[in-house]
Amino acid sequence: MIPIRMIALDLDDTLLRSDLSISYRTRNAIKRAQAAGIVVVLASGRIPSAMERITRVLGMSRQPGYLIGNHGTIIQESHTGTIIYEIRLVPEIALIAFDLADAEGFPVQLYENNLMYVSRPNEFAKYDHKLTGLRQVVAENFRDMVAAGCSKLLIPGDPMILAPLESLLRTYVGEELSLFTSKPYFLEILPPQTDKGTALARIAERQGISQEMVLAIGDSMSDEGMIRWAGLGVAMVNGDERLKRLATAVSERSNDDDGVADIIDQYVLQQRR
């Protein structure tokens, strides 16, 4: 078996337990992998500043590693804070997406300067705040902010009514954007051909690590890109059934029961022993 040299970890419902903590066993498994020379990458829909607590817990603020933020629009070194890659939405296309969502009565969110800006108050923004810790600001000039440029847009809403909106967006701007749901109630809008997989490929190339030596672990369709790209893509047993069908393997335990620690033990640490 080809040895693993890089591990990419999704956060919510993968690395993090339901209470947003990381168990001692999982922290220990990651730190043992780091000590063995494995490069650790955290891949999330959050902006990098919203991952700082996690990087401190895992020692990544002192240990070389990477953060993939906004599902792939930004890549940052965990130990230096240096941004090595960033891409933003084309303002004209982002405005079309915003206007369509706004006309249908949906709130829209964007993330800048460690803040979460919303076009109108909504119940889902409170949950987003719980996940990311970012303060919510209702922006009166939200459309102007979109026109000025942003890394991504997020449209929260009931999954039953988000689906028709996603179809509408695909009809009008689907070829000029990446569209997917992260949580069932979060519709993400990114630049085209942007996802965690393309970002992970950039990091691997930078590190001189081949695709076959990369392990990616995730739970939702926002992780599809990196699960498909990695030499070994593992889906969490508590994850989306569609992701589990395309993954190389599925964990035996959930995110609340040290599933990530099991995977690292099985595919990384045992192989090295």
C-alpha atoms as a PDB file:
ATOM      1  CA  MET A   1       0.000   0.000   0.000  1.00  0.00           C
ATOM      2  CA  ILE A   2       1.308   3.448  -0.961  1.00  0.00           C
ATOM      3  CA  PRO A   3       2.118   5.404   2.229  1.00  0.00           C
ATOM      4  CA  ILE A   4      -0.024   8.434   3.065  1.00  0.00           C
ATOM      5  CA  ARG A   5       1.873  11.737   3.256  1.00  0.00           C
ATOM      6  CA  MET A   6      -1.031  14.188   3.470  1.00  0.00           C
ATOM      7  CA  ILE A   7      -4.391  14.121   5.304  1.00  0.00           C
ATOM      8  CA  ALA A   8      -7.253  16.489   4.406  1.00  0.00           C
ATOM      9  CA  LEU A   9     -10.010  16.794   7.003  1.00  0.00           C
ATOM     10  CA  ASP A  10     -13.433  18.349   6.685  1.00  0.00           C
ATOM     11  CA  LEU A  11     -14.575  19.969   9.940  1.00  0.00           C
ATOM     12  CA  ASP A  12     -18.301  19.896  10.701  1.00  0.00           C
ATOM     13  CA  ASP A  13     -19.714  16.367  11.141  1.00  0.00           C
ATOM     14  CA  THR A  14     -16.282  14.901  10.312  1.00  0.00           C
ATOM     15  CA  LEU A  15     -13.453  16.097  12.545  1.00  0.00           C
ATOM     16  CA  LEU A  16     -15.750  17.951  14.951  1.00  0.00           C
ATOM     17  CA  ARG A  17     -18.239  16.225  17.214  1.00  0.00           C
ATOM     18  CA  SER A  18     -21.824  17.465  17.413  1.00  0.00           C
ATOM     19  CA  ASP A  19     -20.839  19.840  20.226  1.00  0.00           C
ATOM     20  CA  LEU A  20     -18.046  21.225  17.946  1.00  0.00           C
ATOM     21  CA  SER A  21     -15.285  19.706  20.105  1.00  0.00           C
ATOM     22  CA  ILE A  22     -12.452  17.332  19.122  1.00  0.00           C
ATOM     23  CA  SER A  23     -11.933  14.275  21.289  1.00  0.00           C
ATOM     24  CA  TYR A  24      -8.612  13.585  22.980  1.00  0.00           C
ATOM     25  CA  ARG A  25      -8.158  10.392  20.958  1.00  0.00           C
ATOM     26  CA  THR A  26      -8.681  12.203  17.654  1.00  0.00           C
ATOM     27  CA  ARG A  27      -6.350  15.060  18.634  1.00  0.00           C
ATOM     28  CA  ASN A  28      -3.720  12.515  19.630  1.00  0.00           C
ATOM     29  CA  ALA A  29      -4.041  10.595  16.347  1.00  0.00           C
ATOM     30  CA  ILE A  30      -3.592  13.796  14.326  1.00  0.00           C
ATOM     31  CA  LYS A  31      -0.592  14.901  16.376  1.00  0.00           C
ATOM     32  CA  ARG A  32       1.047  11.487  16.003  1.00  0.00           C
ATOM     33  CA  ALA A  33       0.542  11.748  12.240  1.00  0.00           C
ATOM     34  CA  GLN A  34       2.118  15.218  12.266  1.00  0.00           C
ATOM     35  CA  ALA A  35       5.069  13.883  14.270  1.00  0.00           C
ATOM     36  CA  ALA A  36       5.516  11.223  11.604  1.00  0.00           C
ATOM     37  CA  GLY A  37       5.848  13.935   8.948  1.00  0.00           C
ATOM     38  CA  ILE A  38       2.294  13.869   7.600  1.00  0.00           C
ATOM     39  CA  VAL A  39       1.031  17.211   6.258  1.00  0.00           C
ATOM     40  CA  VAL A  40      -2.388  18.025   7.746  1.00  0.00           C
ATOM     41  CA  VAL A  41      -4.925  20.115   5.841  1.00  0.00           C
ATOM     42  CA  LEU A  42      -8.185  21.431   7.296  1.00  0.00           C
ATOM     43  CA  ALA A  43     -10.787  21.871   4.541  1.00  0.00           C
ATOM     44  CA  SER A  44     -13.916  23.838   5.361  1.00  0.00           C
ATOM     45  CA  GLY A  45     -16.567  26.197   4.110  1.00  0.00           C
ATOM     46  CA  ARG A  46     -15.460  28.601   6.841  1.00  0.00           C
ATOM     47  CA  ILE A  47     -13.024  31.437   6.291  1.00  0.00           C
ATOM     48  CA  PRO A  48      -9.563  30.721   7.746  1.00  0.00           C
ATOM     49  CA  SER A  49     -10.006  33.051  10.737  1.00  0.00           C
ATOM     50  CA  ALA A  50     -13.029  30.993  11.783  1.00  0.00           C
ATOM     51  CA  MET A  51     -10.737  27.945  12.014  1.00  0.00           C
ATOM     52  CA  GLU A  52      -8.193  29.501  14.391  1.00  0.00           C
ATOM     53  CA  ARG A  53      -9.564  27.779  17.496  1.00  0.00           C
ATOM     54  CA  ILE A  54      -9.211  24.399  15.804  1.00  0.00           C
ATOM     55  CA  THR A  55      -5.690  25.079  14.549  1.00  0.00           C
ATOM     56  CA  ARG A  56      -4.638  25.966  18.094  1.00  0.00           C
ATOM     57  CA  VAL A  57      -6.181  22.781  19.525  1.00  0.00           C
ATOM     58  CA  LEU A  58      -4.324  20.686  16.947  1.00  0.00           C
ATOM     59  CA  GLY A  59      -1.051  22.590  17.307  1.00  0.00           C
ATOM     60  CA  MET A  60      -1.228  23.691  13.664  1.00  0.00           C
ATOM     61  CA  SER A  61      -0.502  27.302  14.563  1.00  0.00           C
ATOM     62  CA  ARG A  62       3.035  26.090  15.321  1.00  0.00           C
ATOM     63  CA  GLN A  63       3.207  23.092  12.980  1.00  0.00           C
ATOM     64  CA  PRO A  64       3.379  23.536   9.186  1.00  0.00           C
ATOM     65  CA  GLY A  65       0.008  22.762   7.629  1.00  0.00           C
ATOM     66  CA  TYR A  66      -2.701  24.292   5.473  1.00  0.00           C
ATOM     67  CA  LEU A  67      -6.232  25.660   5.716  1.00  0.00           C
ATOM     68  CA  ILE A  68      -8.624  25.431   2.786  1.00  0.00           C
ATOM     69  CA  GLY A  69     -11.302  28.066   3.363  1.00  0.00           C
ATOM     70  CA  ASN A  70     -14.603  28.875   1.655  1.00  0.00           C
ATOM     71  CA  HIS A  71     -14.665  25.378   0.112  1.00  0.00           C
ATOM     72  CA  GLY A  72     -11.538  26.120  -1.901  1.00  0.00           C
ATOM     73  CA  THR A  73     -11.515  29.826  -2.747  1.00  0.00           C
ATOM     74  CA  ILE A  74      -8.642  30.489  -0.343  1.00  0.00           C
ATOM     75  CA  ILE A  75      -5.621  28.500   0.846  1.00  0.00           C
ATOM     76  CA  GLN A  76      -3.588  29.655   3.835  1.00  0.00           C
ATOM     77  CA  GLU A  77      -0.571  28.293   5.675  1.00  0.00           C
ATOM     78  CA  SER A  78      -1.692  27.358   9.178  1.00  0.00           C
ATOM     79  CA  HIS A  79       1.551  28.301  10.933  1.00  0.00           C
ATOM     80  CA  THR A  80       2.345  31.596   9.164  1.00  0.00           C
ATOM     81  CA  GLY A  81      -1.054  32.915   8.098  1.00  0.00           C
ATOM     82  CA  THR A  82       0.332  33.419   4.593  1.00  0.00           C
ATOM     83  CA  ILE A  83      -2.293  33.198   1.858  1.00  0.00           C
ATOM     84  CA  ILE A  84      -0.874  31.147  -1.005  1.00  0.00           C
ATOM     85  CA  TYR A  85      -3.961  31.153  -3.238  1.00  0.00           C
ATOM     86  CA  GLU A  86      -7.199  33.111  -3.509  1.00  0.00           C
ATOM     87  CA  ILE A  87      -9.938  33.417  -6.118  1.00  0.00           C
ATOM     88  CA  ARG A  88     -13.052  35.595  -6.054  1.00  0.00           C
ATOM     89  CA  LEU A  89     -16.405  35.598  -7.806  1.00  0.00           C
ATOM     90  CA  VAL A  90     -16.772  37.685 -10.959  1.00  0.00           C
ATOM     91  CA  PRO A  91     -18.866  40.602  -9.642  1.00  0.00           C
ATOM     92  CA  GLU A  92     -21.257  40.689 -12.611  1.00  0.00           C
ATOM     93  CA  ILE A  93     -22.088  36.987 -12.214  1.00  0.00           C
ATOM     94  CA  ALA A  94     -22.335  37.245  -8.431  1.00  0.00           C
ATOM     95  CA  LEU A  95     -24.823  40.109  -8.823  1.00  0.00           C
ATOM     96  CA  ILE A  96     -27.040  38.011 -11.084  1.00  0.00           C
ATOM     97  CA  ALA A  97     -27.069  35.238  -8.468  1.00  0.00           C
ATOM     98  CA  PHE A  98     -27.799  37.701  -5.671  1.00  0.00           C
ATOM     99  CA  ASP A  99     -30.589  39.457  -7.582  1.00  0.00           C
ATOM    100  CA  LEU A 100     -32.266  36.142  -8.418  1.00  0.00           C
ATOM    101  CA  ALA A 101     -32.121  34.975  -4.795  1.00  0.00           C
ATOM    102  CA  ASP A 102     -33.232  38.334  -3.458  1.00  0.00           C
ATOM    103  CA  ALA A 103     -36.158  38.527  -5.881  1.00  0.00           C
ATOM    104  CA  GLU A 104     -37.296  35.102  -4.643  1.00  0.00           C
ATOM    105  CA  GLY A 105     -37.223  36.381  -1.043  1.00  0.00           C
ATOM    106  CA  PHE A 106     -34.061  34.610   0.143  1.00  0.00           C
ATOM    107  CA  PRO A 107     -31.468  36.156   2.437  1.00  0.00           C
ATOM    108  CA  VAL A 108     -27.894  36.041   1.165  1.00  0.00           C
ATOM    109  CA  GLN A 109     -24.643  36.003   3.174  1.00  0.00           C
ATOM    110  CA  LEU A 110     -21.001  36.803   2.453  1.00  0.00           C
ATOM    111  CA  TYR A 111     -17.888  36.727   4.613  1.00  0.00           C
ATOM    112  CA  GLU A 112     -15.279  39.482   4.805  1.00  0.00           C
ATOM    113  CA  ASN A 113     -12.977  40.932   7.459  1.00  0.00           C
ATOM    114  CA  ASN A 114     -13.841  38.242  10.014  1.00  0.00           C
ATOM    115  CA  LEU A 115     -17.530  39.183   9.836  1.00  0.00           C
ATOM    116  CA  MET A 116     -20.627  37.536   8.415  1.00  0.00           C
ATOM    117  CA  TYR A 117     -22.635  40.054   6.391  1.00  0.00           C
ATOM    118  CA  VAL A 118     -26.290  39.248   5.692  1.00  0.00           C
ATOM    119  CA  SER A 119     -28.693  40.930   3.300  1.00  0.00           C
ATOM    120  CA  ARG A 120     -31.540  40.467   5.779  1.00  0.00           C
ATOM    121  CA  PRO A 121     -31.876  38.855   9.228  1.00  0.00           C
ATOM    122  CA  ASN A 122     -32.602  35.133   9.167  1.00  0.00           C
ATOM    123  CA  GLU A 123     -32.756  32.217  11.603  1.00  0.00           C
ATOM    124  CA  PHE A 124     -30.050  30.251   9.797  1.00  0.00           C
ATOM    125  CA  ALA A 125     -27.464  32.998  10.351  1.00  0.00           C
ATOM    126  CA  LYS A 126     -27.681  32.270  14.076  1.00  0.00           C
ATOM    127  CA  TYR A 127     -26.676  28.664  13.437  1.00  0.00           C
ATOM    128  CA  ASP A 128     -23.883  29.846  11.131  1.00  0.00           C
ATOM    129  CA  HIS A 129     -22.642  32.066  13.968  1.00  0.00           C
ATOM    130  CA  LYS A 130     -22.617  29.057  16.303  1.00  0.00           C
ATOM    131  CA  LEU A 131     -20.507  27.085  13.819  1.00  0.00           C
ATOM    132  CA  THR A 132     -18.043  29.801  12.875  1.00  0.00           C
ATOM    133  CA  GLY A 133     -18.090  32.265  15.769  1.00  0.00           C
ATOM    134  CA  LEU A 134     -18.346  35.114  13.254  1.00  0.00           C
ATOM    135  CA  ARG A 135     -20.453  38.096  14.270  1.00  0.00           C
ATOM    136  CA  GLN A 136     -23.520  38.764  12.133  1.00  0.00           C
ATOM    137  CA  VAL A 137     -23.901  42.202  10.523  1.00  0.00           C
ATOM    138  CA  VAL A 138     -27.003  43.187   8.545  1.00  0.00           C
ATOM    139  CA  ALA A 139     -25.602  45.263   5.669  1.00  0.00           C
ATOM    140  CA  GLU A 140     -27.791  47.973   4.201  1.00  0.00           C
ATOM    141  CA  ASN A 141     -25.458  48.195   1.196  1.00  0.00           C
ATOM    142  CA  PHE A 142     -25.228  44.422   0.665  1.00  0.00           C
ATOM    143  CA  ARG A 143     -25.621  44.628  -3.120  1.00  0.00           C
ATOM    144  CA  ASP A 144     -22.752  47.131  -3.283  1.00  0.00           C
ATOM    145  CA  MET A 145     -20.604  44.686  -1.307  1.00  0.00           C
ATOM    146  CA  VAL A 146     -21.376  41.941  -3.842  1.00  0.00           C
ATOM    147  CA  ALA A 147     -20.499  44.328  -6.680  1.00  0.00           C
ATOM    148  CA  ALA A 148     -17.163  45.107  -5.001  1.00  0.00           C
ATOM    149  CA  GLY A 149     -16.212  41.426  -5.089  1.00  0.00           C
ATOM    150  CA  CYS A 150     -16.368  38.484  -2.686  1.00  0.00           C
ATOM    151  CA  SER A 151     -15.023  34.938  -2.383  1.00  0.00           C
ATOM    152  CA  LYS A 152     -18.406  33.245  -2.101  1.00  0.00           C
ATOM    153  CA  LEU A 153     -22.089  33.773  -1.452  1.00  0.00           C
ATOM    154  CA  LEU A 154     -24.211  31.600   0.785  1.00  0.00           C
ATOM    155  CA  ILE A 155     -27.995  31.352   0.569  1.00  0.00           C
ATOM    156  CA  PRO A 156     -29.642  29.841   3.653  1.00  0.00           C
ATOM    157  CA  GLY A 157     -33.143  28.442   3.653  1.00  0.00           C
ATOM    158  CA  ASP A 158     -35.463  25.510   4.078  1.00  0.00           C
ATOM    159  CA  PRO A 159     -34.144  22.622   1.919  1.00  0.00           C
ATOM    160  CA  MET A 160     -37.545  22.157   0.289  1.00  0.00           C
ATOM    161  CA  ILE A 161     -37.519  25.673  -1.146  1.00  0.00           C
ATOM    162  CA  LEU A 162     -33.768  25.904  -1.727  1.00  0.00           C
ATOM    163  CA  ALA A 163     -33.922  23.152  -4.358  1.00  0.00           C
ATOM    164  CA  PRO A 164     -36.072  25.177  -6.827  1.00  0.00           C
ATOM    165  CA  LEU A 165     -33.788  28.177  -6.337  1.00  0.00           C
ATOM    166  CA  GLU A 166     -30.737  26.039  -7.094  1.00  0.00           C
ATOM    167  CA  SER A 167     -32.419  24.875 -10.323  1.00  0.00           C
ATOM    168  CA  LEU A 168     -33.177  28.497 -11.238  1.00  0.00           C
ATOM    169  CA  LEU A 169     -29.565  29.542 -10.640  1.00  0.00           C
ATOM    170  CA  ARG A 170     -28.268  26.623 -12.677  1.00  0.00           C
ATOM    171  CA  THR A 171     -30.487  27.681 -15.555  1.00  0.00           C
ATOM    172  CA  TYR A 172     -29.230  31.264 -15.630  1.00  0.00           C
ATOM    173  CA  VAL A 173     -25.622  31.123 -14.399  1.00  0.00           C
ATOM    174  CA  GLY A 174     -24.891  27.441 -13.779  1.00  0.00           C
ATOM    175  CA  GLU A 175     -21.955  27.288 -16.196  1.00  0.00           C
ATOM    176  CA  GLU A 176     -20.319  30.355 -14.667  1.00  0.00           C
ATOM    177  CA  LEU A 177     -20.503  29.293 -10.999  1.00  0.00           C
ATOM    178  CA  SER A 178     -20.006  26.281  -8.741  1.00  0.00           C
ATOM    179  CA  LEU A 179     -23.247  25.494  -6.903  1.00  0.00           C
ATOM    180  CA  PHE A 180     -23.788  22.915  -4.161  1.00  0.00           C
ATOM    181  CA  THR A 181     -25.380  22.441  -0.762  1.00  0.00           C
ATOM    182  CA  SER A 182     -23.026  22.058   2.202  1.00  0.00           C
ATOM    183  CA  LYS A 183     -25.608  21.665   4.929  1.00  0.00           C
ATOM    184  CA  PRO A 184     -29.089  20.841   3.556  1.00  0.00           C
ATOM    185  CA  TYR A 185     -30.072  24.414   4.394  1.00  0.00           C
ATOM    186  CA  PHE A 186     -26.953  26.179   2.987  1.00  0.00           C
ATOM    187  CA  LEU A 187     -26.655  26.711  -0.775  1.00  0.00           C
ATOM    188  CA  GLU A 188     -23.085  27.711  -1.590  1.00  0.00           C
ATOM    189  CA  ILE A 189     -22.068  29.834  -4.604  1.00  0.00           C
ATOM    190  CA  LEU A 190     -18.388  29.767  -5.623  1.00  0.00           C
ATOM    191  CA  PRO A 191     -16.281  30.654  -8.671  1.00  0.00           C
ATOM    192  CA  PRO A 192     -16.434  28.005 -11.436  1.00  0.00           C
ATOM    193  CA  GLN A 193     -14.292  24.862 -11.120  1.00  0.00           C
ATOM    194  CA  THR A 194     -13.660  25.671  -7.464  1.00  0.00           C
ATOM    195  CA  ASP A 195     -13.953  23.089  -4.715  1.00  0.00           C
ATOM    196  CA  LYS A 196     -11.942  21.429  -1.975  1.00  0.00           C
ATOM    197  CA  GLY A 197     -10.482  18.961  -4.458  1.00  0.00           C
ATOM    198  CA  THR A 198      -8.894  21.581  -6.714  1.00  0.00           C
ATOM    199  CA  ALA A 199      -7.488  23.355  -3.640  1.00  0.00           C
ATOM    200  CA  LEU A 200      -6.097  20.087  -2.268  1.00  0.00           C
ATOM    201  CA  ALA A 201      -4.421  19.374  -5.606  1.00  0.00           C
ATOM    202  CA  ARG A 202      -2.701  22.778  -5.428  1.00  0.00           C
ATOM    203  CA  ILE A 203      -1.347  22.028  -1.951  1.00  0.00           C
ATOM    204  CA  ALA A 204      -0.145  18.559  -2.954  1.00  0.00           C
ATOM    205  CA  GLU A 205       1.695  20.006  -5.955  1.00  0.00           C
ATOM    206  CA  ARG A 206       3.272  22.669  -3.746  1.00  0.00           C
ATOM    207  CA  GLN A 207       4.455  19.953  -1.320  1.00  0.00           C
ATOM    208  CA  GLY A 208       5.597  17.563  -4.041  1.00  0.00           C
ATOM    209  CA  ILE A 209       3.139  14.910  -2.848  1.00  0.00           C
ATOM    210  CA  SER A 210       1.485  12.621  -5.379  1.00  0.00           C
ATOM    211  CA  GLN A 211      -2.274  12.172  -5.553  1.00  0.00           C
ATOM    212  CA  GLU A 212      -1.978   8.540  -4.437  1.00  0.00           C
ATOM    213  CA  MET A 213      -0.373   9.651  -1.155  1.00  0.00           C
ATOM    214  CA  VAL A 214      -3.305  11.838  -0.090  1.00  0.00           C
ATOM    215  CA  LEU A 215      -6.075  10.778   2.316  1.00  0.00           C
ATOM    216  CA  ALA A 216      -9.259  12.901   2.378  1.00  0.00           C
ATOM    217  CA  ILE A 217     -12.068  12.483   4.908  1.00  0.00           C
ATOM    218  CA  GLY A 218     -15.483  14.146   4.671  1.00  0.00           C
ATOM    219  CA  ASP A 219     -19.211  13.750   5.152  1.00  0.00           C
ATOM    220  CA  SER A 220     -21.149  16.001   2.759  1.00  0.00           C
ATOM    221  CA  MET A 221     -21.337  16.770  -0.958  1.00  0.00           C
ATOM    222  CA  SER A 222     -19.197  19.854  -0.362  1.00  0.00           C
ATOM    223  CA  ASP A 223     -16.409  17.290   0.193  1.00  0.00           C
ATOM    224  CA  GLU A 224     -17.052  15.506  -3.101  1.00  0.00           C
ATOM    225  CA  GLY A 225     -14.170  17.180  -4.933  1.00  0.00           C
ATOM    226  CA  MET A 226     -11.495  16.125  -2.465  1.00  0.00           C
ATOM    227  CA  ILE A 227     -12.984  12.659  -1.894  1.00  0.00           C
ATOM    228  CA  ARG A 228     -12.890  12.041  -5.657  1.00  0.00           C
ATOM    229  CA  TRP A 229      -9.425  13.557  -6.144  1.00  0.00           C
ATOM    230  CA  ALA A 230      -7.539  11.983  -3.240  1.00  0.00           C
ATOM    231  CA  GLY A 231      -5.877   8.629  -3.696  1.00  0.00           C
ATOM    232  CA  LEU A 232      -7.857   7.465  -0.665  1.00  0.00           C
ATOM    233  CA  GLY A 233     -11.220   9.168  -0.096  1.00  0.00           C
ATOM    234  CA  VAL A 234     -13.088   8.088   3.040  1.00  0.00           C
ATOM    235  CA  ALA A 235     -16.660   9.125   3.830  1.00  0.00           C
ATOM    236  CA  MET A 236     -18.009   9.264   7.372  1.00  0.00           C
ATOM    237  CA  VAL A 237     -20.655   6.702   8.228  1.00  0.00           C
ATOM    238  CA  ASN A 238     -22.857   9.584   9.384  1.00  0.00           C
ATOM    239  CA  GLY A 239     -22.404  11.311   6.024  1.00  0.00           C
ATOM    240  CA  ASP A 240     -24.449  11.855   2.880  1.00  0.00           C
ATOM    241  CA  GLU A 241     -25.380   8.586   1.169  1.00  0.00           C
ATOM    242  CA  ARG A 242     -24.301   9.995  -2.201  1.00  0.00           C
ATOM    243  CA  LEU A 243     -20.803  10.675  -0.872  1.00  0.00           C
ATOM    244  CA  LYS A 244     -20.560   7.219   0.672  1.00  0.00           C
ATOM    245  CA  ARG A 245     -21.344   5.642  -2.697  1.00  0.00           C
ATOM    246  CA  LEU A 246     -18.449   7.383  -4.460  1.00  0.00           C
ATOM    247  CA  ALA A 247     -15.861   7.122  -1.646  1.00  0.00           C
ATOM    248  CA  THR A 248     -13.078   4.526  -1.557  1.00  0.00           C
ATOM    249  CA  ALA A 249     -14.184   3.490   1.933  1.00  0.00           C
ATOM    250  CA  VAL A 250     -16.655   4.418   4.677  1.00  0.00           C
ATOM    251  CA  SER A 251     -15.722   4.843   8.338  1.00  0.00           C
ATOM    252  CA  GLU A 252     -17.024   2.353  10.855  1.00  0.00           C
ATOM    253  CA  ARG A 253     -17.647   5.056  13.456  1.00  0.00           C
ATOM    254  CA  SER A 254     -19.279   8.474  13.335  1.00  0.00           C
ATOM    255  CA  ASN A 255     -17.850  11.903  14.072  1.00  0.00           C
ATOM    256  CA  ASP A 256     -19.190  11.591  17.624  1.00  0.00           C
ATOM    257  CA  ASP A 257     -17.361   8.296  18.153  1.00  0.00           C
ATOM    258  CA  ASP A 258     -13.767   8.931  17.032  1.00  0.00           C
ATOM    259  CA  GLY A 259     -14.360   8.032  13.396  1.00  0.00           C
ATOM    260  CA  VAL A 260     -11.470  10.195  12.180  1.00  0.00           C
ATOM    261  CA  ALA A 261      -9.099   8.678  14.742  1.00  0.00           C
ATOM    262  CA  ASP A 262     -10.048   5.202  13.512  1.00  0.00           C
ATOM    263  CA  ILE A 263      -9.332   6.154   9.908  1.00  0.00           C
ATOM    264  CA  ILE A 264      -5.948   7.704  10.713  1.00  0.00           C
ATOM    265  CA  ASP A 265      -4.975   4.690  12.822  1.00  0.00           C
ATOM    266  CA  GLN A 266      -5.982   2.241  10.095  1.00  0.00           C
ATOM    267  CA  TYR A 267      -4.647   3.939   6.969  1.00  0.00           C
ATOM    268  CA  VAL A 268      -1.739   6.012   8.286  1.00  0.00           C
ATOM    269  CA  LEU A 269      -0.296   5.026  11.657  1.00  0.00           C
ATOM    270  CA  GLN A 270      -0.640   1.228  11.363  1.00  0.00           C
ATOM    271  CA  GLN A 271       0.915   1.312   7.900  1.00  0.00           C
ATOM    272  CA  ARG A 272       3.916   3.188   9.270  1.00  0.00           C
ATOM    273  CA  ARG A 273       4.309   0.763  12.148  1.00  0.00           C
END
